[in-house]
Amino acid sequence: MTKAAELRELSADELRGREHDLQDELFRLRIRSAMGEIEAQGKLRSTRRTLARVKTLIREKQ
């Protein structure tokens, strides 16, 4: 899990890149979950929360 303090140090462009990476990862995790291949459901939850943190920080920097 990425801490908010670590994310605050990133620039707006880096945050947007991180947002894109997290959305891709979340998509892949959802597919794997639907197919029954994923064992760690906590990874799905932590990815969603990290994505929310990144989106919040992007919004704050606007």
Protein backbone atom coordinates (compact mmCIF):
# COMPACT_ATOMS: atom_id res chain seq x y z
CA MET A 1 0.00 0.00 0.00
CA THR A 2 1.26 3.43 -0.88
CA LYS A 3 1.18 6.02 1.87
CA ALA A 4 -0.44 9.39 1.26
CA ALA A 5 2.77 11.15 2.35
CA GLU A 6 4.70 9.36 -0.41
CA LEU A 7 2.07 10.31 -2.97
CA ARG A 8 2.05 13.97 -1.92
CA GLU A 9 5.70 14.25 -3.01
CA LEU A 10 4.80 13.41 -6.62
CA SER A 11 4.00 16.02 -9.24
CA ALA A 12 0.60 16.24 -10.91
CA ASP A 13 1.90 14.51 -14.06
CA GLU A 14 3.42 11.68 -12.04
CA LEU A 15 0.12 11.28 -10.17
CA ARG A 16 -1.79 11.03 -13.45
CA GLY A 17 0.63 8.35 -14.64
CA ARG A 18 0.19 6.50 -11.36
CA GLU A 19 -3.59 6.80 -11.72
CA HIS A 20 -3.43 5.23 -15.17
CA ASP A 21 -1.22 2.37 -13.89
CA LEU A 22 -3.58 1.70 -10.98
CA GLN A 23 -6.63 1.67 -13.25
CA ASP A 24 -4.93 -0.90 -15.48
CA GLU A 25 -3.96 -3.01 -12.48
CA LEU A 26 -7.48 -2.80 -11.06
CA PHE A 27 -8.93 -3.92 -14.39
CA ARG A 28 -6.63 -6.94 -14.50
CA LEU A 29 -7.43 -7.83 -10.89
CA ARG A 30 -11.18 -7.65 -11.57
CA ILE A 31 -10.81 -9.97 -14.56
CA ARG A 32 -8.78 -12.45 -12.52
CA SER A 33 -11.28 -12.24 -9.68
CA ALA A 34 -14.18 -12.96 -12.01
CA MET A 35 -12.34 -16.00 -13.36
CA GLY A 36 -11.62 -17.24 -9.86
CA GLU A 37 -7.83 -17.03 -10.28
CA ILE A 38 -7.14 -14.39 -7.66
CA GLU A 39 -6.41 -15.61 -4.17
CA ALA A 40 -5.70 -12.37 -2.35
CA GLN A 41 -8.90 -10.32 -2.38
CA GLY A 42 -7.10 -7.79 -0.18
CA LYS A 43 -5.01 -6.75 -3.19
CA LEU A 44 -8.17 -5.65 -4.99
CA ARG A 45 -9.27 -3.58 -2.01
CA SER A 46 -5.89 -1.94 -1.46
CA THR A 47 -5.60 -1.07 -5.15
CA ARG A 48 -9.01 0.62 -5.08
CA ARG A 49 -8.05 2.61 -2.00
CA THR A 50 -4.70 3.67 -3.43
CA LEU A 51 -6.45 4.77 -6.62
CA ALA A 52 -8.85 6.85 -4.53
CA ARG A 53 -5.91 8.47 -2.72
CA VAL A 54 -4.25 9.35 -6.01
CA LYS A 55 -7.47 10.82 -7.42
CA THR A 56 -7.94 12.87 -4.26
CA LEU A 57 -4.42 14.28 -4.48
CA ILE A 58 -4.86 15.11 -8.17
CA ARG A 59 -8.01 16.99 -7.27
CA GLU A 60 -6.22 18.86 -4.46
CA LYS A 61 -3.44 19.98 -6.80
CA GLN A 62 -5.84 21.48 -9.33
